[in-house]
Amino acid sequence: MPLTTGPIENTGNQPANASSVQIKVLNLTGGLLTGVVRVFKLNGTRQLLSTTPFAAASNASTFVTPSVSGTFQYEVEIVPNQTGGIYSVYGRTAGGTIITAQRFVNSELTSIL
């Protein structure tokens, strides 16, 4: 089932605004977990910025790090091919620093149809 962060504000963050967003995929299944991460720009209208595929081996993890540079608001959708994944989402500055205000753990993501 697809998951979303909902809208994320990307202005006035400390130490800086996000230039990328990092999605951690943890596969707890007995097989390969694949899917895509979609990032949308929400500056007035919802506009697709990127679609990035992911693949995590059984009982392993991987990262996806798409750009959100220059966006004042964005949304992340995670669309796996099956259940059994655990996900987290973090906004990151250009220097790679995690922005705590843009942190979403698995239980904070919303299921969408």
PDB file of N, CA and C in Angstrom:
ATOM      1  N   MET A   1       0.839  -1.182   0.000  1.00  0.00           N
ATOM      2  CA  MET A   1       0.000   0.000   0.000  1.00  0.00           C
ATOM      3  C   MET A   1       0.882   1.243   0.000  1.00  0.00           C
ATOM      4  N   PRO A   2       0.606   2.200  -0.871  1.00  0.00           N
ATOM      5  CA  PRO A   2       1.391   3.437  -0.918  1.00  0.00           C
ATOM      6  C   PRO A   2       1.280   4.238   0.377  1.00  0.00           C
ATOM      7  N   LEU A   3       2.355   4.942   0.690  1.00  0.00           N
ATOM      8  CA  LEU A   3       2.426   5.786   1.886  1.00  0.00           C
ATOM      9  C   LEU A   3       2.824   7.198   1.482  1.00  0.00           C
ATOM     10  N   THR A   4       2.396   8.190   2.266  1.00  0.00           N
ATOM     11  CA  THR A   4       2.770   9.575   2.001  1.00  0.00           C
ATOM     12  C   THR A   4       3.172  10.276   3.285  1.00  0.00           C
ATOM     13  N   THR A   5       4.049  11.260   3.128  1.00  0.00           N
ATOM     14  CA  THR A   5       4.408  12.123   4.260  1.00  0.00           C
ATOM     15  C   THR A   5       3.345  13.185   4.473  1.00  0.00           C
ATOM     16  N   GLY A   6       2.559  13.465   3.419  1.00  0.00           N
ATOM     17  CA  GLY A   6       1.728  14.659   3.425  1.00  0.00           C
ATOM     18  C   GLY A   6       2.623  15.843   3.106  1.00  0.00           C
ATOM     19  N   PRO A   7       2.074  17.060   3.157  1.00  0.00           N
ATOM     20  CA  PRO A   7       2.874  18.232   2.794  1.00  0.00           C
ATOM     21  C   PRO A   7       3.947  18.541   3.835  1.00  0.00           C
ATOM     22  N   ILE A   8       5.149  18.868   3.359  1.00  0.00           N
ATOM     23  CA  ILE A   8       6.282  19.230   4.215  1.00  0.00           C
ATOM     24  C   ILE A   8       6.695  20.655   3.867  1.00  0.00           C
ATOM     25  N   GLU A   9       6.716  21.526   4.869  1.00  0.00           N
ATOM     26  CA  GLU A   9       7.171  22.903   4.663  1.00  0.00           C
ATOM     27  C   GLU A   9       8.698  22.908   4.594  1.00  0.00           C
ATOM     28  N   ASN A  10       9.255  23.622   3.639  1.00  0.00           N
ATOM     29  CA  ASN A  10      10.704  23.658   3.458  1.00  0.00           C
ATOM     30  C   ASN A  10      11.223  25.095   3.485  1.00  0.00           C
ATOM     31  N   THR A  11      10.728  25.872   4.433  1.00  0.00           N
ATOM     32  CA  THR A  11      11.210  27.239   4.632  1.00  0.00           C
ATOM     33  C   THR A  11      11.462  27.467   6.114  1.00  0.00           C
ATOM     34  N   GLY A  12      12.488  28.239   6.428  1.00  0.00           N
ATOM     35  CA  GLY A  12      12.786  28.597   7.814  1.00  0.00           C
ATOM     36  C   GLY A  12      13.321  27.470   8.668  1.00  0.00           C
ATOM     37  N   ASN A  13      13.903  26.458   8.064  1.00  0.00           N
ATOM     38  CA  ASN A  13      14.430  25.315   8.819  1.00  0.00           C
ATOM     39  C   ASN A  13      15.806  25.623   9.393  1.00  0.00           C
ATOM     40  N   GLN A  14      16.131  24.950  10.480  1.00  0.00           N
ATOM     41  CA  GLN A  14      17.457  25.074  11.096  1.00  0.00           C
ATOM     42  C   GLN A  14      18.208  23.771  10.932  1.00  0.00           C
ATOM     43  N   PRO A  15      19.443  23.743  10.498  1.00  0.00           N
ATOM     44  CA  PRO A  15      20.299  24.885  10.226  1.00  0.00           C
ATOM     45  C   PRO A  15      20.074  25.511   8.850  1.00  0.00           C
ATOM     46  N   ALA A  16      19.321  24.849   7.962  1.00  0.00           N
ATOM     47  CA  ALA A  16      19.039  25.372   6.617  1.00  0.00           C
ATOM     48  C   ALA A  16      17.871  24.582   6.050  1.00  0.00           C
ATOM     49  N   ASN A  17      17.349  25.013   4.911  1.00  0.00           N
ATOM     50  CA  ASN A  17      16.278  24.280   4.246  1.00  0.00           C
ATOM     51  C   ASN A  17      16.832  23.028   3.573  1.00  0.00           C
ATOM     52  N   ALA A  18      15.945  22.084   3.293  1.00  0.00           N
ATOM     53  CA  ALA A  18      16.365  20.828   2.671  1.00  0.00           C
ATOM     54  C   ALA A  18      16.707  21.040   1.198  1.00  0.00           C
ATOM     55  N   SER A  19      17.786  20.416   0.783  1.00  0.00           N
ATOM     56  CA  SER A  19      18.112  20.374  -0.641  1.00  0.00           C
ATOM     57  C   SER A  19      17.880  18.962  -1.192  1.00  0.00           C
ATOM     58  N   SER A  20      17.766  17.992  -0.270  1.00  0.00           N
ATOM     59  CA  SER A  20      17.439  16.621  -0.659  1.00  0.00           C
ATOM     60  C   SER A  20      16.614  15.989   0.451  1.00  0.00           C
ATOM     61  N   VAL A  21      16.000  14.876   0.122  1.00  0.00           N
ATOM     62  CA  VAL A  21      15.236  14.121   1.114  1.00  0.00           C
ATOM     63  C   VAL A  21      15.718  12.677   1.038  1.00  0.00           C
ATOM     64  N   GLN A  22      16.006  12.095   2.202  1.00  0.00           N
ATOM     65  CA  GLN A  22      16.524  10.725   2.237  1.00  0.00           C
ATOM     66  C   GLN A  22      15.442   9.787   2.737  1.00  0.00           C
ATOM     67  N   ILE A  23      15.186   8.734   1.968  1.00  0.00           N
ATOM     68  CA  ILE A  23      14.196   7.731   2.325  1.00  0.00           C
ATOM     69  C   ILE A  23      14.941   6.439   2.608  1.00  0.00           C
ATOM     70  N   LYS A  24      14.774   5.927   3.821  1.00  0.00           N
ATOM     71  CA  LYS A  24      15.386   4.648   4.208  1.00  0.00           C
ATOM     72  C   LYS A  24      14.350   3.559   4.031  1.00  0.00           C
ATOM     73  N   VAL A  25      14.717   2.488   3.360  1.00  0.00           N
ATOM     74  CA  VAL A  25      13.836   1.344   3.119  1.00  0.00           C
ATOM     75  C   VAL A  25      14.441   0.143   3.836  1.00  0.00           C
ATOM     76  N   LEU A  26      13.702  -0.423   4.786  1.00  0.00           N
ATOM     77  CA  LEU A  26      14.126  -1.628   5.509  1.00  0.00           C
ATOM     78  C   LEU A  26      13.195  -2.761   5.106  1.00  0.00           C
ATOM     79  N   ASN A  27      13.746  -3.805   4.525  1.00  0.00           N
ATOM     80  CA  ASN A  27      12.960  -4.934   4.030  1.00  0.00           C
ATOM     81  C   ASN A  27      12.958  -6.047   5.071  1.00  0.00           C
ATOM     82  N   LEU A  28      11.790  -6.340   5.641  1.00  0.00           N
ATOM     83  CA  LEU A  28      11.654  -7.406   6.634  1.00  0.00           C
ATOM     84  C   LEU A  28      11.029  -8.662   6.045  1.00  0.00           C
ATOM     85  N   THR A  29      10.953  -8.730   4.711  1.00  0.00           N
ATOM     86  CA  THR A  29      10.333  -9.885   4.058  1.00  0.00           C
ATOM     87  C   THR A  29      11.388 -10.947   3.731  1.00  0.00           C
ATOM     88  N   GLY A  30      10.916 -12.081   3.254  1.00  0.00           N
ATOM     89  CA  GLY A  30      11.802 -13.167   2.862  1.00  0.00           C
ATOM     90  C   GLY A  30      12.277 -13.064   1.429  1.00  0.00           C
ATOM     91  N   GLY A  31      11.858 -12.024   0.720  1.00  0.00           N
ATOM     92  CA  GLY A  31      12.248 -11.861  -0.687  1.00  0.00           C
ATOM     93  C   GLY A  31      12.596 -10.418  -0.987  1.00  0.00           C
ATOM     94  N   LEU A  32      12.802 -10.143  -2.243  1.00  0.00           N
ATOM     95  CA  LEU A  32      13.162  -8.807  -2.703  1.00  0.00           C
ATOM     96  C   LEU A  32      11.967  -7.857  -2.546  1.00  0.00           C
ATOM     97  N   LEU A  33      12.217  -6.670  -2.004  1.00  0.00           N
ATOM     98  CA  LEU A  33      11.206  -5.610  -1.897  1.00  0.00           C
ATOM     99  C   LEU A  33      11.587  -4.513  -2.881  1.00  0.00           C
ATOM    100  N   THR A  34      10.700  -4.228  -3.825  1.00  0.00           N
ATOM    101  CA  THR A  34      10.962  -3.186  -4.808  1.00  0.00           C
ATOM    102  C   THR A  34       9.837  -2.159  -4.768  1.00  0.00           C
ATOM    103  N   GLY A  35      10.044  -1.057  -5.447  1.00  0.00           N
ATOM    104  CA  GLY A  35       9.020  -0.026  -5.525  1.00  0.00           C
ATOM    105  C   GLY A  35       9.611   1.258  -6.053  1.00  0.00           C
ATOM    106  N   VAL A  36       8.854   2.343  -5.891  1.00  0.00           N
ATOM    107  CA  VAL A  36       9.318   3.654  -6.319  1.00  0.00           C
ATOM    108  C   VAL A  36       9.044   4.673  -5.224  1.00  0.00           C
ATOM    109  N   VAL A  37       9.865   5.714  -5.229  1.00  0.00           N
ATOM    110  CA  VAL A  37       9.652   6.881  -4.384  1.00  0.00           C
ATOM    111  C   VAL A  37       9.350   8.033  -5.323  1.00  0.00           C
ATOM    112  N   ARG A  38       8.221   8.691  -5.088  1.00  0.00           N
ATOM    113  CA  ARG A  38       7.846   9.862  -5.887  1.00  0.00           C
ATOM    114  C   ARG A  38       7.929  11.096  -5.000  1.00  0.00           C
ATOM    115  N   VAL A  39       8.517  12.150  -5.533  1.00  0.00           N
ATOM    116  CA  VAL A  39       8.594  13.418  -4.813  1.00  0.00           C
ATOM    117  C   VAL A  39       7.822  14.458  -5.616  1.00  0.00           C
ATOM    118  N   PHE A  40       6.939  15.175  -4.913  1.00  0.00           N
ATOM    119  CA  PHE A  40       6.109  16.199  -5.544  1.00  0.00           C
ATOM    120  C   PHE A  40       6.443  17.562  -4.977  1.00  0.00           C
ATOM    121  N   LYS A  41       6.493  18.542  -5.843  1.00  0.00           N
ATOM    122  CA  LYS A  41       6.623  19.950  -5.466  1.00  0.00           C
ATOM    123  C   LYS A  41       5.206  20.463  -5.226  1.00  0.00           C
ATOM    124  N   LEU A  42       5.002  21.182  -4.108  1.00  0.00           N
ATOM    125  CA  LEU A  42       3.665  21.643  -3.759  1.00  0.00           C
ATOM    126  C   LEU A  42       3.567  23.160  -3.746  1.00  0.00           C
ATOM    127  N   ASN A  43       4.427  23.852  -4.462  1.00  0.00           N
ATOM    128  CA  ASN A  43       4.419  25.315  -4.499  1.00  0.00           C
ATOM    129  C   ASN A  43       3.256  25.812  -5.343  1.00  0.00           C
ATOM    130  N   GLY A  44       2.051  25.753  -4.811  1.00  0.00           N
ATOM    131  CA  GLY A  44       0.858  26.196  -5.539  1.00  0.00           C
ATOM    132  C   GLY A  44       0.090  25.045  -6.144  1.00  0.00           C
ATOM    133  N   THR A  45       0.733  24.233  -6.976  1.00  0.00           N
ATOM    134  CA  THR A  45       0.093  23.050  -7.545  1.00  0.00           C
ATOM    135  C   THR A  45       0.982  21.843  -7.300  1.00  0.00           C
ATOM    136  N   ARG A  46       0.404  20.677  -7.266  1.00  0.00           N
ATOM    137  CA  ARG A  46       1.152  19.431  -7.035  1.00  0.00           C
ATOM    138  C   ARG A  46       1.797  19.017  -8.356  1.00  0.00           C
ATOM    139  N   GLN A  47       3.130  19.023  -8.359  1.00  0.00           N
ATOM    140  CA  GLN A  47       3.890  18.775  -9.586  1.00  0.00           C
ATOM    141  C   GLN A  47       4.952  17.720  -9.301  1.00  0.00           C
ATOM    142  N   LEU A  48       4.992  16.656 -10.090  1.00  0.00           N
ATOM    143  CA  LEU A  48       5.964  15.586  -9.906  1.00  0.00           C
ATOM    144  C   LEU A  48       7.376  16.099 -10.168  1.00  0.00           C
ATOM    145  N   LEU A  49       8.259  15.950  -9.171  1.00  0.00           N
ATOM    146  CA  LEU A  49       9.670  16.327  -9.320  1.00  0.00           C
ATOM    147  C   LEU A  49      10.517  15.145  -9.772  1.00  0.00           C
ATOM    148  N   SER A  50      10.274  13.970  -9.157  1.00  0.00           N
ATOM    149  CA  SER A  50      11.108  12.809  -9.496  1.00  0.00           C
ATOM    150  C   SER A  50      10.398  11.512  -9.128  1.00  0.00           C
ATOM    151  N   THR A  51      10.781  10.460  -9.833  1.00  0.00           N
ATOM    152  CA  THR A  51      10.367   9.095  -9.532  1.00  0.00           C
ATOM    153  C   THR A  51      11.636   8.263  -9.492  1.00  0.00           C
ATOM    154  N   THR A  52      11.923   7.667  -8.333  1.00  0.00           N
ATOM    155  CA  THR A  52      13.168   6.924  -8.155  1.00  0.00           C
ATOM    156  C   THR A  52      12.847   5.496  -7.714  1.00  0.00           C
ATOM    157  N   PRO A  53      13.294   4.489  -8.474  1.00  0.00           N
ATOM    158  CA  PRO A  53      13.051   3.103  -8.067  1.00  0.00           C
ATOM    159  C   PRO A  53      13.958   2.699  -6.908  1.00  0.00           C
ATOM    160  N   PHE A  54      13.504   1.720  -6.124  1.00  0.00           N
ATOM    161  CA  PHE A  54      14.351   1.137  -5.083  1.00  0.00           C
ATOM    162  C   PHE A  54      14.204  -0.379  -5.094  1.00  0.00           C
ATOM    163  N   ALA A  55      15.218  -1.054  -4.582  1.00  0.00           N
ATOM    164  CA  ALA A  55      15.202  -2.508  -4.429  1.00  0.00           C
ATOM    165  C   ALA A  55      16.023  -2.844  -3.189  1.00  0.00           C
ATOM    166  N   ALA A  56      15.390  -3.532  -2.244  1.00  0.00           N
ATOM    167  CA  ALA A  56      16.070  -3.944  -1.014  1.00  0.00           C
ATOM    168  C   ALA A  56      15.983  -5.458  -0.897  1.00  0.00           C
ATOM    169  N   ALA A  57      17.126  -6.089  -0.737  1.00  0.00           N
ATOM    170  CA  ALA A  57      17.181  -7.541  -0.585  1.00  0.00           C
ATOM    171  C   ALA A  57      16.505  -7.959   0.721  1.00  0.00           C
ATOM    172  N   SER A  58      16.218  -9.226   0.846  1.00  0.00           N
ATOM    173  CA  SER A  58      15.593  -9.783   2.046  1.00  0.00           C
ATOM    174  C   SER A  58      16.394  -9.433   3.297  1.00  0.00           C
ATOM    175  N   ASN A  59      15.707  -8.929   4.318  1.00  0.00           N
ATOM    176  CA  ASN A  59      16.329  -8.552   5.596  1.00  0.00           C
ATOM    177  C   ASN A  59      17.507  -7.605   5.422  1.00  0.00           C
ATOM    178  N   ALA A  60      17.359  -6.652   4.513  1.00  0.00           N
ATOM    179  CA  ALA A  60      18.407  -5.661   4.243  1.00  0.00           C
ATOM    180  C   ALA A  60      17.741  -4.295   4.101  1.00  0.00           C
ATOM    181  N   SER A  61      18.571  -3.273   3.903  1.00  0.00           N
ATOM    182  CA  SER A  61      18.038  -1.921   3.745  1.00  0.00           C
ATOM    183  C   SER A  61      18.753  -1.208   2.610  1.00  0.00           C
ATOM    184  N   THR A  62      18.147  -0.096   2.188  1.00  0.00           N
ATOM    185  CA  THR A  62      18.741   0.739   1.152  1.00  0.00           C
ATOM    186  C   THR A  62      18.258   2.169   1.354  1.00  0.00           C
ATOM    187  N   PHE A  63      18.897   3.118   0.686  1.00  0.00           N
ATOM    188  CA  PHE A  63      18.520   4.529   0.727  1.00  0.00           C
ATOM    189  C   PHE A  63      18.149   5.016  -0.662  1.00  0.00           C
ATOM    190  N   VAL A  64      17.253   5.994  -0.711  1.00  0.00           N
ATOM    191  CA  VAL A  64      16.952   6.758  -1.921  1.00  0.00           C
ATOM    192  C   VAL A  64      17.062   8.217  -1.506  1.00  0.00           C
ATOM    193  N   THR A  65      17.772   9.049  -2.287  1.00  0.00           N
ATOM    194  CA  THR A  65      17.994  10.447  -1.894  1.00  0.00           C
ATOM    195  C   THR A  65      17.723  11.399  -3.056  1.00  0.00           C
ATOM    196  N   PRO A  66      16.438  11.680  -3.339  1.00  0.00           N
ATOM    197  CA  PRO A  66      16.118  12.628  -4.412  1.00  0.00           C
ATOM    198  C   PRO A  66      16.268  14.083  -3.974  1.00  0.00           C
ATOM    199  N   SER A  67      16.387  14.962  -4.937  1.00  0.00           N
ATOM    200  CA  SER A  67      16.536  16.393  -4.683  1.00  0.00           C
ATOM    201  C   SER A  67      15.189  17.063  -4.419  1.00  0.00           C
ATOM    202  N   VAL A  68      15.195  18.044  -3.505  1.00  0.00           N
ATOM    203  CA  VAL A  68      14.043  18.932  -3.290  1.00  0.00           C
ATOM    204  C   VAL A  68      14.524  20.382  -3.278  1.00  0.00           C
ATOM    205  N   SER A  69      15.694  20.609  -3.819  1.00  0.00           N
ATOM    206  CA  SER A  69      16.304  21.932  -3.836  1.00  0.00           C
ATOM    207  C   SER A  69      15.389  22.949  -4.508  1.00  0.00           C
ATOM    208  N   GLY A  70      15.212  24.093  -3.850  1.00  0.00           N
ATOM    209  CA  GLY A  70      14.406  25.161  -4.415  1.00  0.00           C
ATOM    210  C   GLY A  70      12.909  25.013  -4.221  1.00  0.00           C
ATOM    211  N   THR A  71      12.466  23.952  -3.533  1.00  0.00           N
ATOM    212  CA  THR A  71      11.027  23.788  -3.283  1.00  0.00           C
ATOM    213  C   THR A  71      10.682  24.317  -1.893  1.00  0.00           C
ATOM    214  N   PHE A  72       9.602  25.080  -1.810  1.00  0.00           N
ATOM    215  CA  PHE A  72       9.154  25.631  -0.534  1.00  0.00           C
ATOM    216  C   PHE A  72       8.262  24.654   0.218  1.00  0.00           C
ATOM    217  N   GLN A  73       7.635  23.742  -0.514  1.00  0.00           N
ATOM    218  CA  GLN A  73       6.815  22.682   0.074  1.00  0.00           C
ATOM    219  C   GLN A  73       6.972  21.450  -0.807  1.00  0.00           C
ATOM    220  N   TYR A  74       7.009  20.276  -0.176  1.00  0.00           N
ATOM    221  CA  TYR A  74       7.098  19.053  -0.962  1.00  0.00           C
ATOM    222  C   TYR A  74       6.387  17.906  -0.246  1.00  0.00           C
ATOM    223  N   GLU A  75       6.186  16.823  -0.982  1.00  0.00           N
ATOM    224  CA  GLU A  75       5.555  15.610  -0.463  1.00  0.00           C
ATOM    225  C   GLU A  75       6.335  14.421  -0.991  1.00  0.00           C
ATOM    226  N   VAL A  76       6.466  13.386  -0.161  1.00  0.00           N
ATOM    227  CA  VAL A  76       7.120  12.145  -0.569  1.00  0.00           C
ATOM    228  C   VAL A  76       6.092  11.019  -0.532  1.00  0.00           C
ATOM    229  N   GLU A  77       5.991  10.266  -1.632  1.00  0.00           N
ATOM    230  CA  GLU A  77       5.164   9.063  -1.697  1.00  0.00           C
ATOM    231  C   GLU A  77       6.082   7.852  -1.842  1.00  0.00           C
ATOM    232  N   ILE A  78       5.812   6.827  -1.067  1.00  0.00           N
ATOM    233  CA  ILE A  78       6.556   5.572  -1.154  1.00  0.00           C
ATOM    234  C   ILE A  78       5.577   4.516  -1.643  1.00  0.00           C
ATOM    235  N   VAL A  79       5.899   3.891  -2.781  1.00  0.00           N
ATOM    236  CA  VAL A  79       4.984   2.923  -3.402  1.00  0.00           C
ATOM    237  C   VAL A  79       5.707   1.583  -3.535  1.00  0.00           C
ATOM    238  N   PRO A  80       5.599   0.701  -2.512  1.00  0.00           N
ATOM    239  CA  PRO A  80       6.263  -0.603  -2.577  1.00  0.00           C
ATOM    240  C   PRO A  80       5.433  -1.617  -3.361  1.00  0.00           C
ATOM    241  N   ASN A  81       6.087  -2.696  -3.797  1.00  0.00           N
ATOM    242  CA  ASN A  81       5.392  -3.739  -4.544  1.00  0.00           C
ATOM    243  C   ASN A  81       4.667  -4.731  -3.633  1.00  0.00           C
ATOM    244  N   GLN A  82       4.942  -4.664  -2.316  1.00  0.00           N
ATOM    245  CA  GLN A  82       4.314  -5.580  -1.360  1.00  0.00           C
ATOM    246  C   GLN A  82       4.436  -5.003   0.045  1.00  0.00           C
ATOM    247  N   THR A  83       3.760  -5.631   0.995  1.00  0.00           N
ATOM    248  CA  THR A  83       3.899  -5.226   2.391  1.00  0.00           C
ATOM    249  C   THR A  83       5.184  -5.822   2.963  1.00  0.00           C
ATOM    250  N   GLY A  84       5.567  -5.383   4.159  1.00  0.00           N
ATOM    251  CA  GLY A  84       6.751  -5.944   4.814  1.00  0.00           C
ATOM    252  C   GLY A  84       7.919  -4.987   4.878  1.00  0.00           C
ATOM    253  N   GLY A  85       7.725  -3.770   4.407  1.00  0.00           N
ATOM    254  CA  GLY A  85       8.789  -2.771   4.479  1.00  0.00           C
ATOM    255  C   GLY A  85       8.540  -1.796   5.614  1.00  0.00           C
ATOM    256  N   ILE A  86       9.612  -1.266   6.175  1.00  0.00           N
ATOM    257  CA  ILE A  86       9.567  -0.195   7.167  1.00  0.00           C
ATOM    258  C   ILE A  86      10.324   0.976   6.544  1.00  0.00           C
ATOM    259  N   TYR A  87       9.769   2.197   6.693  1.00  0.00           N
ATOM    260  CA  TYR A  87      10.313   3.351   5.987  1.00  0.00           C
ATOM    261  C   TYR A  87      10.515   4.526   6.933  1.00  0.00           C
ATOM    262  N   SER A  88      11.504   5.343   6.620  1.00  0.00           N
ATOM    263  CA  SER A  88      11.673   6.631   7.293  1.00  0.00           C
ATOM    264  C   SER A  88      12.088   7.654   6.248  1.00  0.00           C
ATOM    265  N   VAL A  89      11.745   8.914   6.526  1.00  0.00           N
ATOM    266  CA  VAL A  89      11.994  10.011   5.589  1.00  0.00           C
ATOM    267  C   VAL A  89      12.634  11.152   6.357  1.00  0.00           C
ATOM    268  N   TYR A  90      13.716  11.720   5.815  1.00  0.00           N
ATOM    269  CA  TYR A  90      14.432  12.824   6.459  1.00  0.00           C
ATOM    270  C   TYR A  90      14.797  13.870   5.433  1.00  0.00           C
ATOM    271  N   GLY A  91      14.446  15.135   5.688  1.00  0.00           N
ATOM    272  CA  GLY A  91      14.968  16.226   4.885  1.00  0.00           C
ATOM    273  C   GLY A  91      16.430  16.438   5.251  1.00  0.00           C
ATOM    274  N   ARG A  92      17.262  16.781   4.265  1.00  0.00           N
ATOM    275  CA  ARG A  92      18.701  16.996   4.502  1.00  0.00           C
ATOM    276  C   ARG A  92      19.161  18.293   3.854  1.00  0.00           C
ATOM    277  N   THR A  93      20.049  18.988   4.539  1.00  0.00           N
ATOM    278  CA  THR A  93      20.634  20.215   3.991  1.00  0.00           C
ATOM    279  C   THR A  93      21.634  19.857   2.895  1.00  0.00           C
ATOM    280  N   ALA A  94      22.126  20.877   2.190  1.00  0.00           N
ATOM    281  CA  ALA A  94      23.131  20.658   1.144  1.00  0.00           C
ATOM    282  C   ALA A  94      24.387  19.999   1.707  1.00  0.00           C
ATOM    283  N   GLY A  95      24.684  20.246   2.993  1.00  0.00           N
ATOM    284  CA  GLY A  95      25.839  19.635   3.639  1.00  0.00           C
ATOM    285  C   GLY A  95      25.569  18.246   4.201  1.00  0.00           C
ATOM    286  N   GLY A  96      24.323  17.740   4.034  1.00  0.00           N
ATOM    287  CA  GLY A  96      23.986  16.395   4.494  1.00  0.00           C
ATOM    288  C   GLY A  96      23.449  16.325   5.915  1.00  0.00           C
ATOM    289  N   THR A  97      23.249  17.476   6.560  1.00  0.00           N
ATOM    290  CA  THR A  97      22.711  17.491   7.923  1.00  0.00           C
ATOM    291  C   THR A  97      21.213  17.183   7.891  1.00  0.00           C
ATOM    292  N   ILE A  98      20.786  16.274   8.761  1.00  0.00           N
ATOM    293  CA  ILE A  98      19.371  15.909   8.859  1.00  0.00           C
ATOM    294  C   ILE A  98      18.597  17.043   9.518  1.00  0.00           C
ATOM    295  N   ILE A  99      17.443  17.376   8.967  1.00  0.00           N
ATOM    296  CA  ILE A  99      16.567  18.415   9.516  1.00  0.00           C
ATOM    297  C   ILE A  99      15.504  17.719  10.360  1.00  0.00           C
ATOM    298  N   THR A 100      15.615  17.862  11.671  1.00  0.00           N
ATOM    299  CA  THR A 100      14.724  17.133  12.589  1.00  0.00           C
ATOM    300  C   THR A 100      13.254  17.451  12.360  1.00  0.00           C
ATOM    301  N   ALA A 101      12.933  18.685  12.012  1.00  0.00           N
ATOM    302  CA  ALA A 101      11.537  19.074  11.781  1.00  0.00           C
ATOM    303  C   ALA A 101      10.948  18.382  10.550  1.00  0.00           C
ATOM    304  N   GLN A 102      11.807  17.808   9.705  1.00  0.00           N
ATOM    305  CA  GLN A 102      11.339  17.111   8.505  1.00  0.00           C
ATOM    306  C   GLN A 102      11.579  15.607   8.616  1.00  0.00           C
ATOM    307  N   ARG A 103      11.476  15.080   9.815  1.00  0.00           N
ATOM    308  CA  ARG A 103      11.699  13.658  10.068  1.00  0.00           C
ATOM    309  C   ARG A 103      10.367  12.940  10.190  1.00  0.00           C
ATOM    310  N   PHE A 104      10.211  11.839   9.465  1.00  0.00           N
ATOM    311  CA  PHE A 104       9.022  10.998   9.540  1.00  0.00           C
ATOM    312  C   PHE A 104       9.459   9.558   9.743  1.00  0.00           C
ATOM    313  N   VAL A 105       9.001   8.943  10.826  1.00  0.00           N
ATOM    314  CA  VAL A 105       9.231   7.512  11.018  1.00  0.00           C
ATOM    315  C   VAL A 105       8.036   6.765  10.443  1.00  0.00           C
ATOM    316  N   ASN A 106       8.144   5.461  10.327  1.00  0.00           N
ATOM    317  CA  ASN A 106       7.134   4.640   9.660  1.00  0.00           C
ATOM    318  C   ASN A 106       5.720   4.898  10.199  1.00  0.00           C
ATOM    319  N   SER A 107       5.568   5.002  11.518  1.00  0.00           N
ATOM    320  CA  SER A 107       4.238   5.174  12.109  1.00  0.00           C
ATOM    321  C   SER A 107       3.625   6.549  11.805  1.00  0.00           C
ATOM    322  N   GLU A 108       4.421   7.492  11.324  1.00  0.00           N
ATOM    323  CA  GLU A 108       3.924   8.833  10.999  1.00  0.00           C
ATOM    324  C   GLU A 108       3.531   8.985   9.526  1.00  0.00           C
ATOM    325  N   LEU A 109       3.799   7.965   8.723  1.00  0.00           N
ATOM    326  CA  LEU A 109       3.421   8.012   7.311  1.00  0.00           C
ATOM    327  C   LEU A 109       1.956   7.610   7.159  1.00  0.00           C
ATOM    328  N   THR A 110       1.263   8.191   6.194  1.00  0.00           N
ATOM    329  CA  THR A 110      -0.165   7.953   5.986  1.00  0.00           C
ATOM    330  C   THR A 110      -0.365   7.036   4.788  1.00  0.00           C
ATOM    331  N   SER A 111      -1.188   5.997   4.956  1.00  0.00           N
ATOM    332  CA  SER A 111      -1.528   5.111   3.844  1.00  0.00           C
ATOM    333  C   SER A 111      -2.469   5.830   2.893  1.00  0.00           C
ATOM    334  N   ILE A 112      -2.225   5.657   1.601  1.00  0.00           N
ATOM    335  CA  ILE A 112      -3.097   6.240   0.578  1.00  0.00           C
ATOM    336  C   ILE A 112      -3.509   5.163  -0.397  1.00  0.00           C
ATOM    337  N   LEU A 113      -4.593   5.397  -1.103  1.00  0.00           N
ATOM    338  CA  LEU A 113      -5.076   4.418  -2.084  1.00  0.00           C
ATOM    339  C   LEU A 113      -4.622   4.735  -3.469  1.00  0.00           C
TER     340      LEU A 113
END
